[in-house]
């Protein structure tokens, strides 16, 4: 049995993180479900929206939000590190 090309695609109306809608994400209307990786792959436009959202969210409450360190310096990669 072969899978159809659309089997893992879903329709999107936009994206939310922490129950906050990310402005500009509504133009991305198709998502792909991939349960076999720890990575998230998005195009550069959506990556920039996600990056802006994380920076905003962390700035709202610097003491309690984003206790780890985010590294946006590697182009196209968002890495997190935490000190225990």
N, C-alpha and C. Protein backbone atom coordinates (compact mmCIF):
# COMPACT_ATOMS: atom_id res chain seq x y z
N UNK A 1 0.84 -1.17 0.00
CA UNK A 1 0.00 0.00 0.00
C UNK A 1 0.89 1.24 0.00
N UNK A 2 0.61 2.17 -0.87
CA UNK A 2 1.40 3.41 -0.92
C UNK A 2 0.59 4.55 -0.35
N UNK A 3 1.26 5.46 0.31
CA UNK A 3 0.60 6.62 0.91
C UNK A 3 0.43 7.72 -0.13
N UNK A 4 -0.67 8.42 -0.03
CA UNK A 4 -0.88 9.59 -0.90
C UNK A 4 0.02 10.71 -0.40
N UNK A 5 0.36 11.63 -1.28
CA UNK A 5 1.26 12.73 -0.92
C UNK A 5 0.66 13.66 0.12
N UNK A 6 -0.65 13.69 0.28
CA UNK A 6 -1.27 14.62 1.22
C UNK A 6 -1.60 13.97 2.56
N UNK A 7 -1.19 12.72 2.78
CA UNK A 7 -1.59 12.02 3.99
C UNK A 7 -1.15 12.68 5.29
N UNK A 8 -0.04 13.36 5.30
CA UNK A 8 0.46 13.96 6.53
C UNK A 8 0.37 15.48 6.53
N UNK A 9 -0.34 16.03 5.56
CA UNK A 9 -0.51 17.48 5.50
C UNK A 9 -1.78 17.88 6.23
N UNK A 10 -1.71 19.03 6.89
CA UNK A 10 -2.88 19.58 7.59
C UNK A 10 -3.07 21.03 7.17
N UNK A 11 -4.30 21.49 7.23
CA UNK A 11 -4.61 22.89 6.91
C UNK A 11 -4.38 23.73 8.16
N UNK A 12 -3.73 24.86 7.97
CA UNK A 12 -3.45 25.77 9.08
C UNK A 12 -4.19 27.09 8.89
N UNK A 13 -4.59 27.68 9.99
CA UNK A 13 -5.16 29.03 9.99
C UNK A 13 -4.20 30.01 10.61
N UNK A 14 -3.03 29.58 10.95
CA UNK A 14 -2.02 30.37 11.64
C UNK A 14 -1.42 29.54 12.76
N UNK A 15 -0.53 30.14 13.50
CA UNK A 15 0.15 29.42 14.58
C UNK A 15 0.08 30.21 15.88
N UNK A 16 0.06 29.46 16.99
CA UNK A 16 0.08 30.06 18.32
C UNK A 16 1.20 29.41 19.13
N UNK A 17 1.83 30.21 19.97
CA UNK A 17 2.78 29.72 20.95
C UNK A 17 2.37 30.34 22.28
N UNK A 18 2.30 29.53 23.32
CA UNK A 18 1.90 30.01 24.65
C UNK A 18 0.55 30.71 24.60
N UNK A 19 -0.37 30.17 23.79
CA UNK A 19 -1.72 30.70 23.66
C UNK A 19 -1.73 32.12 23.10
N UNK A 20 -0.69 32.49 22.37
CA UNK A 20 -0.59 33.81 21.76
C UNK A 20 -0.44 33.64 20.26
N UNK A 21 -1.37 34.23 19.51
CA UNK A 21 -1.35 34.11 18.07
C UNK A 21 -0.16 34.87 17.49
N UNK A 22 0.56 34.27 16.56
CA UNK A 22 1.72 34.90 15.95
C UNK A 22 1.29 35.61 14.67
N UNK A 23 1.27 36.93 14.70
CA UNK A 23 0.87 37.73 13.54
C UNK A 23 1.74 37.40 12.35
N UNK A 24 1.12 37.26 11.21
CA UNK A 24 1.84 36.94 9.98
C UNK A 24 1.85 35.45 9.68
N UNK A 25 1.54 34.63 10.66
CA UNK A 25 1.58 33.18 10.44
C UNK A 25 0.38 32.68 9.65
N UNK A 26 -0.64 33.52 9.49
CA UNK A 26 -1.85 33.09 8.78
C UNK A 26 -1.60 32.85 7.29
N UNK A 27 -0.52 33.36 6.76
CA UNK A 27 -0.26 33.15 5.34
C UNK A 27 0.32 31.76 5.06
N UNK A 28 0.68 31.04 6.10
CA UNK A 28 1.16 29.66 5.95
C UNK A 28 -0.02 28.74 6.23
N UNK A 29 -0.58 28.16 5.17
CA UNK A 29 -1.86 27.46 5.29
C UNK A 29 -1.74 25.93 5.27
N UNK A 30 -0.55 25.42 5.09
CA UNK A 30 -0.36 23.96 5.06
C UNK A 30 0.76 23.58 6.00
N UNK A 31 0.51 22.59 6.83
CA UNK A 31 1.53 22.04 7.72
C UNK A 31 1.74 20.58 7.41
N UNK A 32 2.84 20.03 7.84
CA UNK A 32 3.17 18.63 7.60
C UNK A 32 3.51 18.00 8.94
N UNK A 33 2.84 16.93 9.29
CA UNK A 33 3.09 16.25 10.56
C UNK A 33 4.22 15.25 10.38
N UNK A 34 5.28 15.41 11.19
CA UNK A 34 6.43 14.52 11.14
C UNK A 34 6.73 14.11 12.57
N UNK A 35 6.47 12.88 12.93
CA UNK A 35 6.68 12.42 14.30
C UNK A 35 8.03 11.73 14.48
N UNK A 36 8.87 11.74 13.46
CA UNK A 36 10.11 10.98 13.55
C UNK A 36 11.35 11.79 13.81
N UNK A 37 11.23 13.04 14.25
CA UNK A 37 12.42 13.86 14.45
C UNK A 37 12.21 14.82 15.61
N UNK A 38 13.31 15.29 16.17
CA UNK A 38 13.23 16.30 17.23
C UNK A 38 13.37 17.70 16.65
N UNK A 39 13.58 17.80 15.35
CA UNK A 39 13.74 19.08 14.70
C UNK A 39 12.42 19.56 14.11
N UNK A 40 12.28 20.86 13.99
CA UNK A 40 11.14 21.46 13.31
C UNK A 40 11.68 22.21 12.11
N UNK A 41 11.15 21.90 10.96
CA UNK A 41 11.59 22.53 9.72
C UNK A 41 10.54 23.52 9.26
N UNK A 42 10.94 24.77 9.06
CA UNK A 42 10.05 25.80 8.55
C UNK A 42 10.83 26.65 7.56
N UNK A 43 10.11 27.36 6.70
CA UNK A 43 10.82 28.24 5.77
C UNK A 43 11.31 29.49 6.50
N UNK A 44 12.11 30.29 5.83
CA UNK A 44 12.74 31.43 6.51
C UNK A 44 11.73 32.47 6.98
N UNK A 45 10.64 32.66 6.24
CA UNK A 45 9.63 33.63 6.67
C UNK A 45 8.97 33.23 7.97
N UNK A 46 8.58 31.98 8.08
CA UNK A 46 7.95 31.50 9.31
C UNK A 46 8.97 31.44 10.44
N UNK A 47 10.21 31.11 10.14
CA UNK A 47 11.26 31.12 11.16
C UNK A 47 11.39 32.51 11.78
N UNK A 48 11.36 33.54 10.96
CA UNK A 48 11.48 34.91 11.47
C UNK A 48 10.30 35.28 12.36
N UNK A 49 9.10 34.81 12.00
CA UNK A 49 7.92 35.06 12.84
C UNK A 49 8.09 34.39 14.19
N UNK A 50 8.54 33.14 14.19
CA UNK A 50 8.76 32.41 15.44
C UNK A 50 9.84 33.08 16.28
N UNK A 51 10.92 33.49 15.64
CA UNK A 51 12.01 34.19 16.35
C UNK A 51 11.50 35.47 17.00
N UNK A 52 10.74 36.27 16.27
CA UNK A 52 10.19 37.51 16.83
C UNK A 52 9.29 37.22 18.01
N UNK A 53 8.49 36.16 17.90
CA UNK A 53 7.59 35.82 19.00
C UNK A 53 8.36 35.43 20.26
N UNK A 54 9.38 34.60 20.12
CA UNK A 54 10.17 34.21 21.29
C UNK A 54 10.83 35.43 21.93
N UNK A 55 11.37 36.32 21.13
CA UNK A 55 12.00 37.52 21.69
C UNK A 55 10.98 38.37 22.42
N UNK A 56 9.78 38.53 21.86
CA UNK A 56 8.72 39.30 22.53
C UNK A 56 8.33 38.61 23.83
N UNK A 57 8.05 37.30 23.78
CA UNK A 57 7.59 36.56 24.94
C UNK A 57 8.59 36.65 26.08
N UNK A 58 9.87 36.51 25.77
CA UNK A 58 10.89 36.57 26.81
C UNK A 58 11.02 37.96 27.39
N UNK A 59 10.77 39.00 26.60
CA UNK A 59 10.90 40.37 27.09
C UNK A 59 9.73 40.79 27.97
N UNK A 60 8.60 40.11 27.87
CA UNK A 60 7.41 40.47 28.66
C UNK A 60 7.66 40.26 30.14
N UNK A 61 8.33 39.18 30.50
CA UNK A 61 8.61 38.86 31.90
C UNK A 61 9.97 38.16 31.96
N UNK A 62 11.02 38.95 31.94
CA UNK A 62 12.37 38.39 31.85
C UNK A 62 12.73 37.50 33.03
N UNK A 63 12.11 37.74 34.19
CA UNK A 63 12.43 36.94 35.37
C UNK A 63 11.82 35.55 35.30
N UNK A 64 10.64 35.43 34.70
CA UNK A 64 9.93 34.15 34.71
C UNK A 64 9.81 33.47 33.35
N UNK A 65 9.93 34.21 32.28
CA UNK A 65 9.84 33.61 30.95
C UNK A 65 11.25 33.29 30.45
N UNK A 66 11.37 32.21 29.73
CA UNK A 66 12.62 31.88 29.03
C UNK A 66 13.82 31.85 29.96
N UNK A 67 13.77 31.00 30.95
CA UNK A 67 14.86 30.93 31.91
C UNK A 67 16.14 30.37 31.30
N UNK A 68 16.02 29.69 30.20
CA UNK A 68 17.20 29.21 29.49
C UNK A 68 17.75 30.29 28.58
N UNK A 69 18.78 29.95 27.84
CA UNK A 69 19.38 30.89 26.90
C UNK A 69 19.01 30.47 25.49
N UNK A 70 18.54 31.42 24.70
CA UNK A 70 18.23 31.15 23.31
C UNK A 70 19.36 31.69 22.44
N UNK A 71 19.72 30.93 21.46
CA UNK A 71 20.80 31.33 20.56
C UNK A 71 20.25 31.47 19.15
N UNK A 72 20.11 32.70 18.67
CA UNK A 72 19.65 32.97 17.32
C UNK A 72 20.82 33.23 16.37
N UNK A 73 22.04 33.07 16.86
CA UNK A 73 23.21 33.44 16.06
C UNK A 73 23.51 32.48 14.92
N UNK A 74 23.16 31.23 15.07
CA UNK A 74 23.37 30.27 13.98
C UNK A 74 22.23 30.44 13.00
N UNK A 75 22.50 30.95 11.84
CA UNK A 75 21.46 31.26 10.86
C UNK A 75 20.59 30.02 10.58
N UNK A 76 19.29 30.21 10.79
CA UNK A 76 18.35 29.14 10.52
C UNK A 76 18.17 28.15 11.65
N UNK A 77 18.87 28.34 12.76
CA UNK A 77 18.76 27.44 13.89
C UNK A 77 18.42 28.24 15.14
N UNK A 78 17.50 27.71 15.92
CA UNK A 78 17.19 28.29 17.22
C UNK A 78 17.54 27.23 18.25
N UNK A 79 18.53 27.51 19.06
CA UNK A 79 19.00 26.54 20.05
C UNK A 79 18.72 27.06 21.45
N UNK A 80 18.42 26.15 22.35
CA UNK A 80 18.16 26.49 23.75
C UNK A 80 19.18 25.78 24.62
N UNK A 81 19.61 26.44 25.68
CA UNK A 81 20.48 25.78 26.66
C UNK A 81 20.01 26.19 28.04
N UNK A 82 20.12 25.26 28.99
CA UNK A 82 19.67 25.50 30.34
C UNK A 82 20.74 25.09 31.32
N UNK A 83 20.94 25.90 32.36
CA UNK A 83 21.84 25.54 33.45
C UNK A 83 20.97 25.09 34.61
N UNK A 84 21.26 23.91 35.13
CA UNK A 84 20.46 23.37 36.23
C UNK A 84 21.04 23.77 37.55
